Amino acid sequence: MNPKRLSLEPGHHRKFLAVVDDTPECDRAVYYASRRAARTGGGLVLLGVLDLEDAHQQWLNVADLMRAEAQEEMQARLDKFSARARQVASVAAELVIREGGKADAIMKLIAEDRDIANLVLAAGTSKEGPGPLVTSLAGAHAASFPIPITLVPGALSDEELDAMA
């Protein structure tokens, strides 16, 4: 059983969660989540997930250096998308960095922050399909997922997303 969401309780507010990565469609998810948060008086959480599988196989000093570089790179990416959210919707985002697999990091964050009420993902536009995260979370786990998932088509323009946000 999933714990109750607290977003409508006194002292809480609904948050939209978007995952920040290096895919082209990431901007679509952040844009839509930012606009929805602004229009509904909610908040925005941007999650960056570090995949440090290779670091575990390195010498200690090398692993520490790889982790620090990955952390710095992800912080810069989160800062960029946080600035984008402020620009398009005047929303200040909470920035979260986690290590491990994306699906696990998302599930753990949703369990920890019970104000998160909606996960926003953007589908890729390539011939290979919507992307592994969308396929994993919106496919096999959809029936048991603890919150609604909003799937944004990656090819929609800012104007099209504004009309729906």
Protein backbone atom coordinates (compact mmCIF):
# COMPACT_ATOMS: atom_id res chain seq x y z
CA MET A 1 0.00 0.00 0.00
CA ASN A 2 1.26 3.46 -0.88
CA PRO A 3 1.44 6.12 1.82
CA LYS A 4 -1.08 8.93 1.50
CA ARG A 5 0.07 12.00 -0.44
CA LEU A 6 0.16 15.09 1.76
CA SER A 7 -0.01 17.74 -0.95
CA LEU A 8 -3.51 18.91 -0.02
CA GLU A 9 -2.99 18.90 3.74
CA PRO A 10 -2.47 22.22 5.59
CA GLY A 11 1.15 23.34 5.36
CA HIS A 12 1.83 21.27 2.23
CA HIS A 13 1.55 21.89 -1.50
CA ARG A 14 1.48 19.73 -4.59
CA LYS A 15 4.80 19.22 -6.32
CA PHE A 16 5.55 18.14 -9.86
CA LEU A 17 8.62 15.96 -10.34
CA ALA A 18 10.72 16.05 -13.53
CA VAL A 19 13.86 14.01 -14.16
CA VAL A 20 16.80 15.94 -15.56
CA ASP A 21 19.15 14.13 -17.90
CA ASP A 22 20.98 14.72 -21.18
CA THR A 23 18.14 13.69 -23.49
CA PRO A 24 16.65 16.23 -25.90
CA GLU A 25 13.14 15.65 -24.54
CA CYS A 26 14.16 16.53 -20.98
CA ASP A 27 13.44 20.19 -21.72
CA ARG A 28 9.85 19.31 -22.68
CA ALA A 29 9.22 17.61 -19.33
CA VAL A 30 10.77 20.47 -17.35
CA TYR A 31 8.88 23.08 -19.38
CA TYR A 32 5.51 21.38 -18.90
CA ALA A 33 6.09 20.63 -15.21
CA SER A 34 7.15 24.25 -14.61
CA ARG A 35 4.07 25.65 -16.34
CA ARG A 36 1.73 23.24 -14.49
CA ALA A 37 3.34 24.11 -11.16
CA ALA A 38 2.94 27.83 -11.83
CA ARG A 39 -0.65 27.57 -13.01
CA THR A 40 -1.77 25.40 -10.10
CA GLY A 41 0.20 27.09 -7.32
CA GLY A 42 2.38 24.02 -6.91
CA GLY A 43 6.07 23.37 -6.62
CA LEU A 44 8.66 21.82 -8.88
CA VAL A 45 11.27 19.20 -8.00
CA LEU A 46 14.07 18.50 -10.47
CA LEU A 47 15.83 15.17 -9.97
CA GLY A 48 19.24 14.36 -11.38
CA VAL A 49 20.40 10.76 -11.11
CA LEU A 50 24.08 9.83 -11.23
CA ASP A 51 24.89 6.44 -12.72
CA LEU A 52 28.23 5.67 -11.10
CA GLU A 53 28.44 1.97 -11.94
CA ASP A 54 31.89 2.46 -13.53
CA ALA A 55 33.16 4.31 -10.46
CA HIS A 56 32.68 1.24 -8.26
CA GLN A 57 35.21 -0.64 -10.35
CA GLN A 58 37.96 1.98 -9.96
CA TRP A 59 40.64 2.63 -7.37
CA LEU A 60 39.42 4.70 -4.44
CA ASN A 61 40.97 8.01 -5.53
CA VAL A 62 39.81 7.54 -9.12
CA ALA A 63 36.30 6.65 -7.95
CA ASP A 64 36.17 9.75 -5.74
CA LEU A 65 37.29 11.91 -8.66
CA MET A 66 34.69 10.34 -10.98
CA ARG A 67 31.95 10.90 -8.38
CA ALA A 68 32.98 14.54 -7.86
CA GLU A 69 33.05 15.22 -11.60
CA ALA A 70 29.67 13.56 -12.12
CA GLN A 71 28.21 15.53 -9.21
CA GLU A 72 29.56 18.80 -10.61
CA GLU A 73 28.24 18.03 -14.09
CA MET A 74 24.79 17.12 -12.77
CA GLN A 75 24.65 20.22 -10.56
CA ALA A 76 25.38 22.36 -13.62
CA ARG A 77 22.63 20.58 -15.59
CA LEU A 78 20.15 21.03 -12.73
CA ASP A 79 21.10 24.72 -12.41
CA LYS A 80 20.47 25.17 -16.15
CA PHE A 81 17.00 23.62 -15.96
CA SER A 82 16.21 25.46 -12.74
CA ALA A 83 16.98 28.72 -14.55
CA ARG A 84 14.75 27.55 -17.40
CA ALA A 85 11.87 26.95 -14.94
CA ARG A 86 12.32 30.45 -13.50
CA GLN A 87 12.42 31.93 -17.00
CA VAL A 88 9.31 30.21 -18.38
CA ALA A 89 7.13 30.05 -15.28
CA SER A 90 8.72 32.06 -12.43
CA VAL A 91 9.01 28.81 -10.46
CA ALA A 92 11.87 28.11 -8.07
CA ALA A 93 12.73 24.44 -8.29
CA GLU A 94 13.99 22.14 -5.56
CA LEU A 95 17.10 20.39 -6.86
CA VAL A 96 17.84 16.80 -5.85
CA ILE A 97 20.78 14.61 -6.85
CA ARG A 98 20.74 10.88 -6.23
CA GLU A 99 22.95 7.94 -7.19
CA GLY A 100 21.83 4.66 -8.72
CA GLY A 101 19.24 3.68 -11.25
CA LYS A 102 16.70 6.28 -12.36
CA ALA A 103 13.61 4.22 -11.62
CA ASP A 104 14.82 3.39 -8.10
CA ALA A 105 15.82 7.00 -7.41
CA ILE A 106 12.41 8.23 -8.55
CA MET A 107 10.55 5.71 -6.40
CA LYS A 108 12.65 6.52 -3.31
CA LEU A 109 12.18 10.27 -3.73
CA ILE A 110 8.41 9.89 -4.16
CA ALA A 111 8.31 7.77 -0.99
CA GLU A 112 10.34 10.37 0.95
CA ASP A 113 8.56 13.51 -0.27
CA ARG A 114 4.84 12.91 0.07
CA ASP A 115 4.08 16.33 -1.44
CA ILE A 116 5.15 15.00 -4.85
CA ALA A 117 1.85 14.30 -6.57
CA ASN A 118 2.76 13.98 -10.25
CA LEU A 119 5.73 12.67 -12.23
CA VAL A 120 6.23 14.40 -15.56
CA LEU A 121 8.13 12.47 -18.24
CA ALA A 122 8.67 13.38 -21.87
CA ALA A 123 8.64 10.79 -24.60
CA GLY A 124 11.56 10.68 -27.00
CA THR A 125 10.93 11.36 -30.65
CA SER A 126 13.29 8.77 -32.11
CA LYS A 127 12.26 5.65 -33.99
CA GLU A 128 13.52 3.51 -31.09
CA GLY A 129 10.49 4.43 -28.98
CA PRO A 130 9.66 6.79 -26.13
CA GLY A 131 12.83 6.04 -24.14
CA PRO A 132 13.79 3.52 -21.47
CA LEU A 133 12.48 5.50 -18.50
CA VAL A 134 9.07 6.08 -20.07
CA THR A 135 8.89 2.45 -21.15
CA SER A 136 9.85 1.21 -17.69
CA LEU A 137 7.69 3.47 -15.53
CA ALA A 138 4.70 4.12 -17.77
CA GLY A 139 4.64 0.53 -19.00
CA ALA A 140 5.32 -2.36 -16.67
CA HIS A 141 5.01 -0.39 -13.41
CA ALA A 142 2.08 1.85 -14.37
CA ALA A 143 -0.60 -0.11 -12.53
CA SER A 144 1.24 -0.02 -9.21
CA PHE A 145 2.91 3.39 -9.49
CA PRO A 146 2.19 5.52 -6.39
CA ILE A 147 1.32 8.77 -8.23
CA PRO A 148 -0.01 9.79 -11.66
CA ILE A 149 2.49 9.99 -14.50
CA THR A 150 2.06 12.72 -17.08
CA LEU A 151 3.62 11.75 -20.39
CA VAL A 152 4.51 14.74 -22.56
CA PRO A 153 5.11 14.14 -26.28
CA GLY A 154 8.67 15.26 -26.96
CA ALA A 155 7.79 16.96 -30.24
CA LEU A 156 5.37 19.53 -28.78
CA SER A 157 6.37 23.20 -28.94
CA ASP A 158 6.32 25.68 -26.06
CA GLU A 159 3.09 27.16 -27.42
CA GLU A 160 1.43 23.74 -27.62
CA LEU A 161 2.50 22.88 -24.10
CA ASP A 162 1.28 26.27 -22.82
CA ALA A 163 -2.17 25.51 -24.20
CA MET A 164 -2.32 22.30 -22.17
CA ALA A 165 -0.48 23.26 -19.00
